[in-house]
Amino acid sequence: MVAVTISSQYTVQIPKHFRSKLRVGQQVAISIDVHGRLILTPIEQAREILDETFGIWVDRTDIPKGGIKYMDKIRHGHRIKDLARRKK
């Protein structure tokens, strides 16, 4: 783990050993995980992952037409349960 300070402009200095993984001007998505860690994900990496799975379910005859809506409903229920557990 490396500790850095957030400046008054809400910027951070990237330690030298991480700089080889990033480039100036690169766009990154910023998120915070459940443990409060700041996660930087290069946008192109996220796009590559999405492109790999794009259309994976197209023309599948073994999945009912309402299957996507059904899975979204199940996932939504799990997210609500997860939130309830975190608030305790």
C-alpha atoms as a PDB file:
ATOM      1  CA  MET A   1       0.000   0.000   0.000  1.00  0.00           C
ATOM      2  CA  VAL A   2       1.190   3.504  -0.796  1.00  0.00           C
ATOM      3  CA  ALA A   3      -0.148   6.585   1.027  1.00  0.00           C
ATOM      4  CA  VAL A   4      -0.644   9.834  -0.896  1.00  0.00           C
ATOM      5  CA  THR A   5      -2.228  13.145   0.080  1.00  0.00           C
ATOM      6  CA  ILE A   6      -5.175  14.690  -1.737  1.00  0.00           C
ATOM      7  CA  SER A   7      -4.366  18.280  -2.637  1.00  0.00           C
ATOM      8  CA  SER A   8      -6.736  21.226  -2.229  1.00  0.00           C
ATOM      9  CA  GLN A   9      -7.591  20.795  -5.942  1.00  0.00           C
ATOM     10  CA  TYR A  10      -8.560  17.143  -5.254  1.00  0.00           C
ATOM     11  CA  THR A  11      -5.557  15.783  -7.131  1.00  0.00           C
ATOM     12  CA  VAL A  12      -3.110  13.098  -6.062  1.00  0.00           C
ATOM     13  CA  GLN A  13       0.497  12.449  -7.012  1.00  0.00           C
ATOM     14  CA  ILE A  14       0.809   9.031  -8.663  1.00  0.00           C
ATOM     15  CA  PRO A  15       3.819   7.230  -7.146  1.00  0.00           C
ATOM     16  CA  LYS A  16       6.621   6.509  -9.645  1.00  0.00           C
ATOM     17  CA  HIS A  17       6.234   2.728  -9.636  1.00  0.00           C
ATOM     18  CA  PHE A  18       2.589   3.068 -10.814  1.00  0.00           C
ATOM     19  CA  ARG A  19       3.298   5.608 -13.545  1.00  0.00           C
ATOM     20  CA  SER A  20       4.442   2.964 -16.018  1.00  0.00           C
ATOM     21  CA  LYS A  21       0.858   1.630 -16.029  1.00  0.00           C
ATOM     22  CA  LEU A  22      -0.629   5.034 -16.938  1.00  0.00           C
ATOM     23  CA  ARG A  23       0.089   7.710 -19.495  1.00  0.00           C
ATOM     24  CA  VAL A  24      -0.470  11.462 -19.463  1.00  0.00           C
ATOM     25  CA  GLY A  25      -3.870  12.303 -20.953  1.00  0.00           C
ATOM     26  CA  GLN A  26      -5.235   8.798 -20.475  1.00  0.00           C
ATOM     27  CA  GLN A  27      -8.888   8.642 -19.433  1.00  0.00           C
ATOM     28  CA  VAL A  28      -9.701   6.521 -16.399  1.00  0.00           C
ATOM     29  CA  ALA A  29     -12.904   5.594 -14.599  1.00  0.00           C
ATOM     30  CA  ILE A  30     -12.711   6.269 -10.861  1.00  0.00           C
ATOM     31  CA  SER A  31     -14.648   4.196  -8.355  1.00  0.00           C
ATOM     32  CA  ILE A  32     -14.472   3.307  -4.691  1.00  0.00           C
ATOM     33  CA  ASP A  33     -14.870  -0.309  -3.600  1.00  0.00           C
ATOM     34  CA  VAL A  34     -16.716  -1.530  -0.492  1.00  0.00           C
ATOM     35  CA  HIS A  35     -13.513  -1.181   1.556  1.00  0.00           C
ATOM     36  CA  GLY A  36     -13.126   2.494   0.613  1.00  0.00           C
ATOM     37  CA  ARG A  37     -10.236   1.922  -1.812  1.00  0.00           C
ATOM     38  CA  LEU A  38      -9.993   4.214  -4.817  1.00  0.00           C
ATOM     39  CA  ILE A  39      -9.921   2.227  -8.076  1.00  0.00           C
ATOM     40  CA  LEU A  40      -8.643   3.694 -11.362  1.00  0.00           C
ATOM     41  CA  THR A  41      -9.638   1.717 -14.457  1.00  0.00           C
ATOM     42  CA  PRO A  42      -8.408   2.826 -17.877  1.00  0.00           C
ATOM     43  CA  ILE A  43     -11.443   3.511 -20.086  1.00  0.00           C
ATOM     44  CA  GLU A  44      -9.949   1.571 -23.005  1.00  0.00           C
ATOM     45  CA  GLN A  45      -9.597  -1.491 -20.745  1.00  0.00           C
ATOM     46  CA  ALA A  46     -13.290  -1.306 -19.856  1.00  0.00           C
ATOM     47  CA  ARG A  47     -14.195  -0.936 -23.544  1.00  0.00           C
ATOM     48  CA  GLU A  48     -12.064  -3.957 -24.496  1.00  0.00           C
ATOM     49  CA  ILE A  49     -13.842  -6.095 -21.910  1.00  0.00           C
ATOM     50  CA  LEU A  50     -17.252  -4.936 -23.126  1.00  0.00           C
ATOM     51  CA  ASP A  51     -16.284  -5.530 -26.767  1.00  0.00           C
ATOM     52  CA  GLU A  52     -15.236  -9.110 -25.963  1.00  0.00           C
ATOM     53  CA  THR A  53     -18.687  -9.942 -24.618  1.00  0.00           C
ATOM     54  CA  PHE A  54     -20.731  -7.804 -27.037  1.00  0.00           C
ATOM     55  CA  GLY A  55     -23.428  -9.868 -28.694  1.00  0.00           C
ATOM     56  CA  ILE A  56     -22.654 -12.993 -26.703  1.00  0.00           C
ATOM     57  CA  TRP A  57     -26.359 -13.694 -26.156  1.00  0.00           C
ATOM     58  CA  VAL A  58     -27.573 -12.738 -29.647  1.00  0.00           C
ATOM     59  CA  ASP A  59     -29.667 -15.343 -31.461  1.00  0.00           C
ATOM     60  CA  ARG A  60     -29.643 -17.782 -28.544  1.00  0.00           C
ATOM     61  CA  THR A  61     -32.687 -20.040 -28.827  1.00  0.00           C
ATOM     62  CA  ASP A  62     -32.080 -21.729 -25.459  1.00  0.00           C
ATOM     63  CA  ILE A  63     -32.726 -18.519 -23.486  1.00  0.00           C
ATOM     64  CA  PRO A  64     -36.341 -17.385 -23.070  1.00  0.00           C
ATOM     65  CA  LYS A  65     -37.146 -13.908 -24.377  1.00  0.00           C
ATOM     66  CA  GLY A  66     -37.923 -12.727 -20.839  1.00  0.00           C
ATOM     67  CA  GLY A  67     -34.656 -14.174 -19.528  1.00  0.00           C
ATOM     68  CA  ILE A  68     -32.816 -10.861 -19.429  1.00  0.00           C
ATOM     69  CA  LYS A  69     -35.619  -9.150 -17.536  1.00  0.00           C
ATOM     70  CA  TYR A  70     -35.782 -12.100 -15.157  1.00  0.00           C
ATOM     71  CA  MET A  71     -32.027 -11.981 -14.440  1.00  0.00           C
ATOM     72  CA  ASP A  72     -32.155  -8.206 -13.946  1.00  0.00           C
ATOM     73  CA  LYS A  73     -34.933  -8.738 -11.406  1.00  0.00           C
ATOM     74  CA  ILE A  74     -32.859 -11.343  -9.542  1.00  0.00           C
ATOM     75  CA  ARG A  75     -29.751  -9.132  -9.578  1.00  0.00           C
ATOM     76  CA  HIS A  76     -31.784  -6.166  -8.350  1.00  0.00           C
ATOM     77  CA  GLY A  77     -32.987  -8.246  -5.400  1.00  0.00           C
ATOM     78  CA  HIS A  78     -29.428  -9.263  -4.548  1.00  0.00           C
ATOM     79  CA  ARG A  79     -28.269  -5.637  -4.658  1.00  0.00           C
ATOM     80  CA  ILE A  80     -31.035  -4.613  -2.254  1.00  0.00           C
ATOM     81  CA  LYS A  81     -30.065  -7.446   0.124  1.00  0.00           C
ATOM     82  CA  ASP A  82     -26.391  -6.437  -0.101  1.00  0.00           C
ATOM     83  CA  LEU A  83     -27.244  -2.835   0.744  1.00  0.00           C
ATOM     84  CA  ALA A  84     -29.319  -3.946   3.722  1.00  0.00           C
ATOM     85  CA  ARG A  85     -26.384  -6.008   5.038  1.00  0.00           C
ATOM     86  CA  ARG A  86     -23.952  -3.101   4.691  1.00  0.00           C
ATOM     87  CA  LYS A  87     -26.180  -0.705   6.666  1.00  0.00           C
ATOM     88  CA  LYS A  88     -26.179  -2.971   9.738  1.00  0.00           C
END
